[in-house]
C-alpha atoms as a PDB file:
ATOM      1  CA  MET A   1      -8.214 -11.187 -34.121  1.00  0.00           C
ATOM      2  CA  LYS A   2      -8.135 -13.292 -31.001  1.00  0.00           C
ATOM      3  CA  ASP A   3      -7.413 -11.688 -27.629  1.00  0.00           C
ATOM      4  CA  ASN A   4      -4.248 -13.421 -26.442  1.00  0.00           C
ATOM      5  CA  ALA A   5      -4.952 -12.369 -22.861  1.00  0.00           C
ATOM      6  CA  HIS A   6      -7.858 -14.794 -22.697  1.00  0.00           C
ATOM      7  CA  HIS A   7      -5.544 -17.684 -23.539  1.00  0.00           C
ATOM      8  CA  SER A   8      -2.803 -16.887 -21.046  1.00  0.00           C
ATOM      9  CA  ALA A   9      -2.164 -19.374 -18.249  1.00  0.00           C
ATOM     10  CA  VAL A  10      -1.755 -16.397 -15.907  1.00  0.00           C
ATOM     11  CA  VAL A  11      -5.220 -15.120 -16.742  1.00  0.00           C
ATOM     12  CA  LYS A  12      -6.803 -18.552 -16.494  1.00  0.00           C
ATOM     13  CA  GLN A  13      -5.300 -19.197 -13.086  1.00  0.00           C
ATOM     14  CA  LEU A  14      -6.392 -15.823 -11.754  1.00  0.00           C
ATOM     15  CA  ARG A  15      -9.897 -16.277 -13.128  1.00  0.00           C
ATOM     16  CA  ALA A  16     -10.200 -19.623 -11.330  1.00  0.00           C
ATOM     17  CA  ARG A  17      -8.925 -18.200  -8.028  1.00  0.00           C
ATOM     18  CA  LEU A  18     -11.275 -15.214  -8.238  1.00  0.00           C
ATOM     19  CA  ARG A  19     -14.253 -17.476  -8.868  1.00  0.00           C
ATOM     20  CA  GLU A  20     -13.371 -19.480  -5.770  1.00  0.00           C
ATOM     21  CA  MET A  21     -13.133 -16.309  -3.679  1.00  0.00           C
ATOM     22  CA  GLN A  22     -16.347 -14.936  -5.159  1.00  0.00           C
ATOM     23  CA  ARG A  23     -18.238 -18.068  -4.110  1.00  0.00           C
ATOM     24  CA  ALA A  24     -16.657 -18.060  -0.648  1.00  0.00           C
ATOM     25  CA  ALA A  25     -17.504 -14.397  -0.140  1.00  0.00           C
ATOM     26  CA  ALA A  26     -21.098 -14.596  -1.395  1.00  0.00           C
ATOM     27  CA  PRO A  27     -22.786 -14.802   2.054  1.00  0.00           C
ATOM     28  CA  ALA A  28     -20.854 -11.771   3.258  1.00  0.00           C
ATOM     29  CA  ALA A  29     -21.059  -9.651   0.117  1.00  0.00           C
ATOM     30  CA  GLY A  30     -20.643  -5.995   0.973  1.00  0.00           C
ATOM     31  CA  ALA A  31     -19.772  -6.801   4.567  1.00  0.00           C
ATOM     32  CA  ASN A  32     -16.145  -5.686   4.347  1.00  0.00           C
ATOM     33  CA  GLY A  33     -15.676  -3.747   7.552  1.00  0.00           C
ATOM     34  CA  VAL A  34     -12.484  -1.827   6.685  1.00  0.00           C
ATOM     35  CA  SER A  35     -12.604   1.641   8.218  1.00  0.00           C
ATOM     36  CA  SER A  36      -8.957   2.570   8.825  1.00  0.00           C
ATOM     37  CA  THR A  37      -5.899   3.314   6.721  1.00  0.00           C
ATOM     38  CA  GLY A  38      -3.856   1.192   9.118  1.00  0.00           C
ATOM     39  CA  VAL A  39      -1.977   4.257  10.373  1.00  0.00           C
ATOM     40  CA  GLU A  40      -3.739   6.239  13.084  1.00  0.00           C
ATOM     41  CA  ALA A  41      -2.016   9.494  12.139  1.00  0.00           C
ATOM     42  CA  LEU A  42      -3.353   9.248   8.580  1.00  0.00           C
ATOM     43  CA  ASP A  43      -6.845   8.461   9.848  1.00  0.00           C
ATOM     44  CA  GLY A  44      -6.572  11.719  11.774  1.00  0.00           C
ATOM     45  CA  LEU A  45      -6.218  13.682   8.519  1.00  0.00           C
ATOM     46  CA  LEU A  46      -9.569  12.360   7.276  1.00  0.00           C
ATOM     47  CA  ALA A  47     -13.065  13.357   8.252  1.00  0.00           C
ATOM     48  CA  PRO A  48     -14.969  10.683  10.229  1.00  0.00           C
ATOM     49  CA  ALA A  49     -16.290   7.768   8.159  1.00  0.00           C
ATOM     50  CA  VAL A  50     -14.545   8.972   4.980  1.00  0.00           C
ATOM     51  CA  PHE A  51     -12.348   5.882   4.684  1.00  0.00           C
ATOM     52  CA  ARG A  52     -14.508   2.939   3.656  1.00  0.00           C
ATOM     53  CA  PRO A  53     -14.649  -0.091   1.349  1.00  0.00           C
ATOM     54  CA  GLY A  54     -14.866   0.438  -2.394  1.00  0.00           C
ATOM     55  CA  MET A  55     -12.308   3.236  -2.551  1.00  0.00           C
ATOM     56  CA  VAL A  56      -9.326   3.753  -4.838  1.00  0.00           C
ATOM     57  CA  VAL A  57      -6.285   5.115  -3.019  1.00  0.00           C
ATOM     58  CA  GLU A  58      -3.247   6.497  -4.824  1.00  0.00           C
ATOM     59  CA  TRP A  59       0.113   6.437  -3.087  1.00  0.00           C
ATOM     60  CA  ILE A  60       2.284   8.991  -4.873  1.00  0.00           C
ATOM     61  CA  ALA A  61       5.941   8.208  -4.178  1.00  0.00           C
ATOM     62  CA  SER A  62       8.221  11.227  -4.465  1.00  0.00           C
ATOM     63  CA  GLY A  63      11.626   9.668  -5.018  1.00  0.00           C
ATOM     64  CA  THR A  64      13.235   6.498  -3.718  1.00  0.00           C
ATOM     65  CA  GLY A  65      12.935   5.687  -0.061  1.00  0.00           C
ATOM     66  CA  SER A  66       9.749   7.714   0.284  1.00  0.00           C
ATOM     67  CA  GLY A  67       8.037   5.080   2.425  1.00  0.00           C
ATOM     68  CA  ALA A  68       4.904   4.939   0.274  1.00  0.00           C
ATOM     69  CA  ALA A  69       4.983   1.167  -0.146  1.00  0.00           C
ATOM     70  CA  ARG A  70       5.401   0.627   3.591  1.00  0.00           C
ATOM     71  CA  LEU A  71       2.323   2.743   4.312  1.00  0.00           C
ATOM     72  CA  ALA A  72       0.373   0.982   1.569  1.00  0.00           C
ATOM     73  CA  ALA A  73       1.310  -2.339   3.191  1.00  0.00           C
ATOM     74  CA  ALA A  74      -0.150  -1.139   6.496  1.00  0.00           C
ATOM     75  CA  MET A  75      -3.382  -0.345   4.672  1.00  0.00           C
ATOM     76  CA  ALA A  76      -3.392  -3.788   3.052  1.00  0.00           C
ATOM     77  CA  VAL A  77      -2.905  -5.496   6.417  1.00  0.00           C
ATOM     78  CA  GLN A  78      -5.817  -3.523   7.852  1.00  0.00           C
ATOM     79  CA  ALA A  79      -8.016  -4.544   4.920  1.00  0.00           C
ATOM     80  CA  LEU A  80      -7.071  -8.216   5.342  1.00  0.00           C
ATOM     81  CA  ASN A  81      -8.070  -8.043   9.000  1.00  0.00           C
ATOM     82  CA  ALA A  82     -11.625  -7.422   7.818  1.00  0.00           C
ATOM     83  CA  GLY A  83     -11.587 -10.590   5.684  1.00  0.00           C
ATOM     84  CA  GLY A  84     -10.829 -11.503   2.090  1.00  0.00           C
ATOM     85  CA  ALA A  85      -7.606 -11.756   0.125  1.00  0.00           C
ATOM     86  CA  LEU A  86      -4.911  -9.447  -1.191  1.00  0.00           C
ATOM     87  CA  VAL A  87      -4.160  -9.449  -4.921  1.00  0.00           C
ATOM     88  CA  VAL A  88      -0.780  -8.026  -5.948  1.00  0.00           C
ATOM     89  CA  VAL A  89      -0.510  -7.268  -9.666  1.00  0.00           C
ATOM     90  CA  ASP A  90       3.244  -7.553 -10.071  1.00  0.00           C
ATOM     91  CA  ASP A  91       4.080  -6.894 -13.708  1.00  0.00           C
ATOM     92  CA  ARG A  92       7.541  -5.633 -12.643  1.00  0.00           C
ATOM     93  CA  ARG A  93       8.437  -9.026 -11.062  1.00  0.00           C
ATOM     94  CA  GLU A  94       9.589  -7.383  -7.828  1.00  0.00           C
ATOM     95  CA  PHE A  95       7.353  -8.955  -5.197  1.00  0.00           C
ATOM     96  CA  TYR A  96       9.578 -10.729  -2.658  1.00  0.00           C
ATOM     97  CA  PRO A  97       7.650 -12.870  -0.118  1.00  0.00           C
ATOM     98  CA  PRO A  98      10.076 -12.533   2.864  1.00  0.00           C
ATOM     99  CA  ALA A  99       9.877  -8.730   2.611  1.00  0.00           C
ATOM    100  CA  ALA A 100       6.071  -8.915   2.446  1.00  0.00           C
ATOM    101  CA  VAL A 101       5.969 -11.129   5.549  1.00  0.00           C
ATOM    102  CA  ARG A 102       8.119  -8.684   7.469  1.00  0.00           C
ATOM    103  CA  LEU A 103       5.603  -5.969   6.617  1.00  0.00           C
ATOM    104  CA  GLY A 104       2.852  -8.079   8.194  1.00  0.00           C
ATOM    105  CA  LEU A 105       1.188  -9.509   5.088  1.00  0.00           C
ATOM    106  CA  ASP A 106      -0.340 -12.993   5.261  1.00  0.00           C
ATOM    107  CA  LEU A 107       0.999 -14.943   2.276  1.00  0.00           C
ATOM    108  CA  GLU A 108      -1.700 -17.578   2.741  1.00  0.00           C
ATOM    109  CA  ARG A 109      -4.204 -14.906   1.692  1.00  0.00           C
ATOM    110  CA  THR A 110      -2.063 -13.180  -0.912  1.00  0.00           C
ATOM    111  CA  ILE A 111      -2.356 -13.843  -4.643  1.00  0.00           C
ATOM    112  CA  VAL A 112       0.533 -12.571  -6.758  1.00  0.00           C
ATOM    113  CA  VAL A 113      -0.261 -12.085 -10.448  1.00  0.00           C
ATOM    114  CA  ARG A 114       2.557 -11.514 -12.932  1.00  0.00           C
ATOM    115  CA  PRO A 115       0.973 -10.382 -16.212  1.00  0.00           C
ATOM    116  CA  ARG A 116       2.875 -10.781 -19.449  1.00  0.00           C
ATOM    117  CA  SER A 117       1.430  -7.705 -21.163  1.00  0.00           C
ATOM    118  CA  ARG A 118      -0.289  -4.411 -20.428  1.00  0.00           C
ATOM    119  CA  ARG A 119      -3.575  -5.946 -21.595  1.00  0.00           C
ATOM    120  CA  GLU A 120      -3.240  -8.714 -19.010  1.00  0.00           C
ATOM    121  CA  THR A 121      -2.329  -6.169 -16.353  1.00  0.00           C
ATOM    122  CA  VAL A 122      -5.490  -4.164 -16.996  1.00  0.00           C
ATOM    123  CA  TRP A 123      -7.620  -7.312 -17.061  1.00  0.00           C
ATOM    124  CA  ALA A 124      -6.155  -8.594 -13.800  1.00  0.00           C
ATOM    125  CA  LEU A 125      -6.670  -5.237 -12.083  1.00  0.00           C
ATOM    126  CA  GLU A 126     -10.280  -4.898 -13.157  1.00  0.00           C
ATOM    127  CA  GLN A 127     -11.231  -8.470 -12.283  1.00  0.00           C
ATOM    128  CA  ALA A 128      -9.548  -8.352  -8.874  1.00  0.00           C
ATOM    129  CA  LEU A 129     -11.196  -5.038  -8.017  1.00  0.00           C
ATOM    130  CA  ARG A 130     -14.639  -6.357  -8.991  1.00  0.00           C
ATOM    131  CA  CYS A 131     -14.343  -9.553  -6.921  1.00  0.00           C
ATOM    132  CA  ARG A 132     -16.163  -9.428  -3.560  1.00  0.00           C
ATOM    133  CA  GLY A 133     -13.685 -11.899  -2.105  1.00  0.00           C
ATOM    134  CA  VAL A 134     -10.737  -9.525  -2.578  1.00  0.00           C
ATOM    135  CA  ALA A 135     -10.129  -7.162   0.333  1.00  0.00           C
ATOM    136  CA  ALA A 136      -7.422  -5.140  -1.429  1.00  0.00           C
ATOM    137  CA  THR A 137      -5.726  -4.954  -4.806  1.00  0.00           C
ATOM    138  CA  LEU A 138      -2.213  -3.504  -4.994  1.00  0.00           C
ATOM    139  CA  ALA A 139      -0.429  -2.485  -8.184  1.00  0.00           C
ATOM    140  CA  TRP A 140       2.353  -0.209  -9.421  1.00  0.00           C
ATOM    141  CA  ILE A 141       0.954   1.982 -12.192  1.00  0.00           C
ATOM    142  CA  TRP A 142       2.790   4.572 -14.245  1.00  0.00           C
ATOM    143  CA  LYS A 143       0.404   5.794 -16.955  1.00  0.00           C
ATOM    144  CA  LEU A 144      -3.339   5.447 -16.503  1.00  0.00           C
ATOM    145  CA  PRO A 145      -5.676   6.944 -19.136  1.00  0.00           C
ATOM    146  CA  ASP A 146      -8.726   8.745 -17.787  1.00  0.00           C
ATOM    147  CA  ARG A 147     -11.337   6.315 -19.160  1.00  0.00           C
ATOM    148  CA  LEU A 148      -9.441   3.280 -17.919  1.00  0.00           C
ATOM    149  CA  PHE A 149      -9.023   4.883 -14.489  1.00  0.00           C
ATOM    150  CA  ARG A 150     -12.791   5.430 -14.337  1.00  0.00           C
ATOM    151  CA  ARG A 151     -13.396   1.752 -15.183  1.00  0.00           C
ATOM    152  CA  LEU A 152     -11.108   0.649 -12.388  1.00  0.00           C
ATOM    153  CA  GLN A 153     -12.763   3.039  -9.930  1.00  0.00           C
ATOM    154  CA  LEU A 154     -16.203   1.627 -10.802  1.00  0.00           C
ATOM    155  CA  ALA A 155     -14.837  -1.909 -10.429  1.00  0.00           C
ATOM    156  CA  ALA A 156     -13.616  -1.060  -6.913  1.00  0.00           C
ATOM    157  CA  GLU A 157     -17.038   0.330  -5.994  1.00  0.00           C
ATOM    158  CA  HIS A 158     -18.663  -2.882  -7.213  1.00  0.00           C
ATOM    159  CA  GLY A 159     -16.244  -5.196  -5.415  1.00  0.00           C
ATOM    160  CA  ALA A 160     -16.267  -3.163  -2.174  1.00  0.00           C
ATOM    161  CA  GLY A 161     -12.565  -3.772  -1.624  1.00  0.00           C
ATOM    162  CA  LEU A 162      -9.684  -1.309  -1.775  1.00  0.00           C
ATOM    163  CA  GLY A 163      -7.735  -0.403  -4.872  1.00  0.00           C
ATOM    164  CA  MET A 164      -4.226   0.727  -3.920  1.00  0.00           C
ATOM    165  CA  PHE A 165      -2.162   2.164  -6.753  1.00  0.00           C
ATOM    166  CA  MET A 166       1.511   3.010  -6.289  1.00  0.00           C
ATOM    167  CA  ARG A 167       2.375   5.867  -8.659  1.00  0.00           C
ATOM    168  CA  PRO A 168       5.274   8.213  -9.448  1.00  0.00           C
ATOM    169  CA  VAL A 169       5.131  11.905  -8.598  1.00  0.00           C
ATOM    170  CA  GLU A 170       4.473  12.707 -12.270  1.00  0.00           C
ATOM    171  CA  ALA A 171       0.968  11.309 -11.775  1.00  0.00           C
ATOM    172  CA  LEU A 172       0.061  14.458  -9.844  1.00  0.00           C
ATOM    173  CA  ARG A 173      -0.113  16.265 -13.180  1.00  0.00           C
ATOM    174  CA  THR A 174      -2.747  13.915 -14.581  1.00  0.00           C
ATOM    175  CA  PRO A 175      -6.511  13.555 -13.918  1.00  0.00           C
ATOM    176  CA  SER A 176      -7.438  11.037 -11.243  1.00  0.00           C
ATOM    177  CA  TRP A 177     -10.534   9.101 -10.216  1.00  0.00           C
ATOM    178  CA  ALA A 178      -8.964   8.152  -6.894  1.00  0.00           C
ATOM    179  CA  ASP A 179     -10.957   8.814  -3.745  1.00  0.00           C
ATOM    180  CA  LEU A 180      -7.761   9.562  -1.848  1.00  0.00           C
ATOM    181  CA  ARG A 181      -4.325  10.663  -3.011  1.00  0.00           C
ATOM    182  CA  TRP A 182      -1.404  10.617  -0.599  1.00  0.00           C
ATOM    183  CA  LEU A 183       1.908  12.238  -1.485  1.00  0.00           C
ATOM    184  CA  VAL A 184       4.742  10.582   0.420  1.00  0.00           C
ATOM    185  CA  GLN A 185       8.111  12.319   0.521  1.00  0.00           C
ATOM    186  CA  ALA A 186      11.346  11.616   2.325  1.00  0.00           C
ATOM    187  CA  ALA A 187      11.848  14.183   5.081  1.00  0.00           C
ATOM    188  CA  PRO A 188      15.235  15.965   4.772  1.00  0.00           C
ATOM    189  CA  GLY A 189      17.845  14.301   6.966  1.00  0.00           C
ATOM    190  CA  GLY A 190      15.384  11.607   7.938  1.00  0.00           C
ATOM    191  CA  GLY A 191      17.675   8.566   7.791  1.00  0.00           C
ATOM    192  CA  HIS A 192      17.020   7.457   4.198  1.00  0.00           C
ATOM    193  CA  GLU A 193      20.572   6.685   3.193  1.00  0.00           C
ATOM    194  CA  GLU A 194      20.041   2.992   4.061  1.00  0.00           C
ATOM    195  CA  ALA A 195      16.483   2.780   2.742  1.00  0.00           C
ATOM    196  CA  ILE A 196      16.683   3.670  -0.923  1.00  0.00           C
ATOM    197  CA  ALA A 197      14.847   0.470  -1.900  1.00  0.00           C
ATOM    198  CA  MET A 198      11.861   1.169   0.308  1.00  0.00           C
ATOM    199  CA  GLU A 199       9.822   2.960  -2.350  1.00  0.00           C
ATOM    200  CA  VAL A 200       9.191  -0.474  -3.816  1.00  0.00           C
ATOM    201  CA  GLY A 201       8.917  -2.063  -0.391  1.00  0.00           C
ATOM    202  CA  PHE A 202       8.465  -5.700  -1.414  1.00  0.00           C
ATOM    203  CA  THR A 203      11.843  -6.443  -3.006  1.00  0.00           C
ATOM    204  CA  GLU A 204      14.757  -8.486  -1.706  1.00  0.00           C
ATOM    205  CA  ALA A 205      16.733  -5.235  -1.454  1.00  0.00           C
ATOM    206  CA  ALA A 206      14.004  -3.795   0.737  1.00  0.00           C
ATOM    207  CA  LEU A 207      14.446  -6.675   3.158  1.00  0.00           C
ATOM    208  CA  ASN A 208      18.207  -6.229   3.379  1.00  0.00           C
ATOM    209  CA  ASN A 209      18.274  -2.427   3.570  1.00  0.00           C
ATOM    210  CA  GLY A 210      16.702   0.045   5.940  1.00  0.00           C
ATOM    211  CA  LYS A 211      18.383  -1.199   9.117  1.00  0.00           C
ATOM    212  CA  ASP A 212      18.847   2.202  10.731  1.00  0.00           C
ATOM    213  CA  PRO A 213      17.543   1.650  14.281  1.00  0.00           C
ATOM    214  CA  SER A 214      16.609   5.314  14.588  1.00  0.00           C
ATOM    215  CA  GLY A 215      14.112   4.907  11.758  1.00  0.00           C
ATOM    216  CA  ARG A 216      13.480   7.213   8.832  1.00  0.00           C
ATOM    217  CA  ARG A 217      11.131  10.120   8.579  1.00  0.00           C
ATOM    218  CA  VAL A 218       8.629  10.824   5.847  1.00  0.00           C
ATOM    219  CA  ARG A 219       6.133  13.577   5.175  1.00  0.00           C
ATOM    220  CA  VAL A 220       2.672  12.427   4.102  1.00  0.00           C
ATOM    221  CA  GLU A 221       0.300  14.956   2.566  1.00  0.00           C
ATOM    222  CA  LEU A 222      -3.348  14.407   1.686  1.00  0.00           C
ATOM    223  CA  VAL A 223      -3.371  16.009  -1.765  1.00  0.00           C
ATOM    224  CA  HIS A 224      -6.871  14.909  -2.763  1.00  0.00           C
ATOM    225  CA  CYS A 225      -9.951  13.691  -0.927  1.00  0.00           C
ATOM    226  CA  ARG A 226     -13.397  13.391  -2.495  1.00  0.00           C
ATOM    227  CA  GLU A 227     -14.977  14.062   0.857  1.00  0.00           C
ATOM    228  CA  GLY A 228     -13.055  16.391   3.109  1.00  0.00           C
ATOM    229  CA  THR A 229     -10.338  19.000   2.910  1.00  0.00           C
ATOM    230  CA  PRO A 230      -7.001  18.149   1.275  1.00  0.00           C
ATOM    231  CA  GLY A 231      -3.733  19.881   2.024  1.00  0.00           C
ATOM    232  CA  GLU A 232      -3.107  18.602   5.549  1.00  0.00           C
ATOM    233  CA  ALA A 233       0.112  16.733   6.237  1.00  0.00           C
ATOM    234  CA  VAL A 234       1.864  14.774   8.948  1.00  0.00           C
ATOM    235  CA  GLU A 235       5.464  13.716   9.506  1.00  0.00           C
ATOM    236  CA  LEU A 236       5.979  10.079  10.396  1.00  0.00           C
ATOM    237  CA  GLU A 237       8.885   7.945  11.518  1.00  0.00           C
ATOM    238  CA  ILE A 238       9.098   4.437  10.089  1.00  0.00           C
ATOM    239  CA  ASP A 239      11.094   1.816  11.943  1.00  0.00           C
ATOM    240  CA  ASP A 240      12.320  -0.547   9.239  1.00  0.00           C
ATOM    241  CA  GLU A 241      13.282  -3.188  11.803  1.00  0.00           C
ATOM    242  CA  THR A 242       9.876  -3.544  13.432  1.00  0.00           C
ATOM    243  CA  GLY A 243       7.593  -1.954  10.835  1.00  0.00           C
ATOM    244  CA  ALA A 244       6.246   0.468  13.453  1.00  0.00           C
ATOM    245  CA  VAL A 245       4.951   3.823  12.233  1.00  0.00           C
ATOM    246  CA  ARG A 246       4.668   6.727  14.637  1.00  0.00           C
ATOM    247  CA  VAL A 247       4.113  10.463  14.503  1.00  0.00           C
ATOM    248  CA  VAL A 248       7.127  12.728  14.831  1.00  0.00           C
ATOM    249  CA  SER A 249       6.442  15.272  17.539  1.00  0.00           C
ATOM    250  CA  PRO A 250       6.531  18.944  16.444  1.00  0.00           C
ATOM    251  CA  LEU A 251       9.461  19.509  18.819  1.00  0.00           C
ATOM    252  CA  ALA A 252      11.475  16.640  17.337  1.00  0.00           C
ATOM    253  CA  ALA A 253      10.696  17.771  13.791  1.00  0.00           C
ATOM    254  CA  ALA A 254      11.800  21.318  14.590  1.00  0.00           C
ATOM    255  CA  ALA A 255      15.041  20.057  16.123  1.00  0.00           C
ATOM    256  CA  ARG A 256      15.771  17.967  13.030  1.00  0.00           C
ATOM    257  CA  VAL A 257      15.248  20.929  10.699  1.00  0.00           C
ATOM    258  CA  PHE A 258      17.455  23.043  12.992  1.00  0.00           C
ATOM    259  CA  ARG A 259      20.286  20.503  12.771  1.00  0.00           C
ATOM    260  CA  ALA A 260      19.876  20.066   8.992  1.00  0.00           C
ATOM    261  CA  ALA A 261      20.271  23.822   8.594  1.00  0.00           C
ATOM    262  CA  GLY A 262      23.627  23.569  10.346  1.00  0.00           C
ATOM    263  CA  ALA A 263      22.612  25.916  13.161  1.00  0.00           C
END
């Protein structure tokens, strides 16, 4: 029985683009200099030199408006600064270029793949992760069998780029080969009423919502780290107008909780 994925125009186009990037990246193979998550406060939760090329990072989004996609975008921008391209595997057909631009992504170096089947999705992910010309691969993944996850993790090690998987909170109950797992939750009373589309982050709704000038607050917890100690967390404020991400001071966080309690 023939593998229909090999005959898809989507697959053929991606294969051609990846070959071009592979040839262009050959002199600098393994030279990807990414060393930051793109958010200084998250770097602070990691031991020195833990964040590096070839890693798989899971962004676990706990509910709508969690801010996970916005933080993943910051990581993608940081990876692109070190060279290479971004591959977005968009099987949900939700990638919206104007929203991506507002998050700082360079569309000239972004390849959007829209697979027509799960088989094509898996193929696109693995090939993008293995390509030395790809700085980061971003995908929304619900179910990921253990053996397939291991294949993707090995592909990321080979390609020396970043694999960034957006996943639902249910994924916390399943085995993971990710090097890092971040749980991103909306902070109570943190201004999320106008940002319910931000979990996706790259949709047209995401561009039109989230206009609260005071920003919204999220809690980011490092739930798994292959090298280091998980369990640490930080509260961040995301300005959906400017894309700025900053740490919420302990005093401000305490005041917010005080007000939310009605005291």
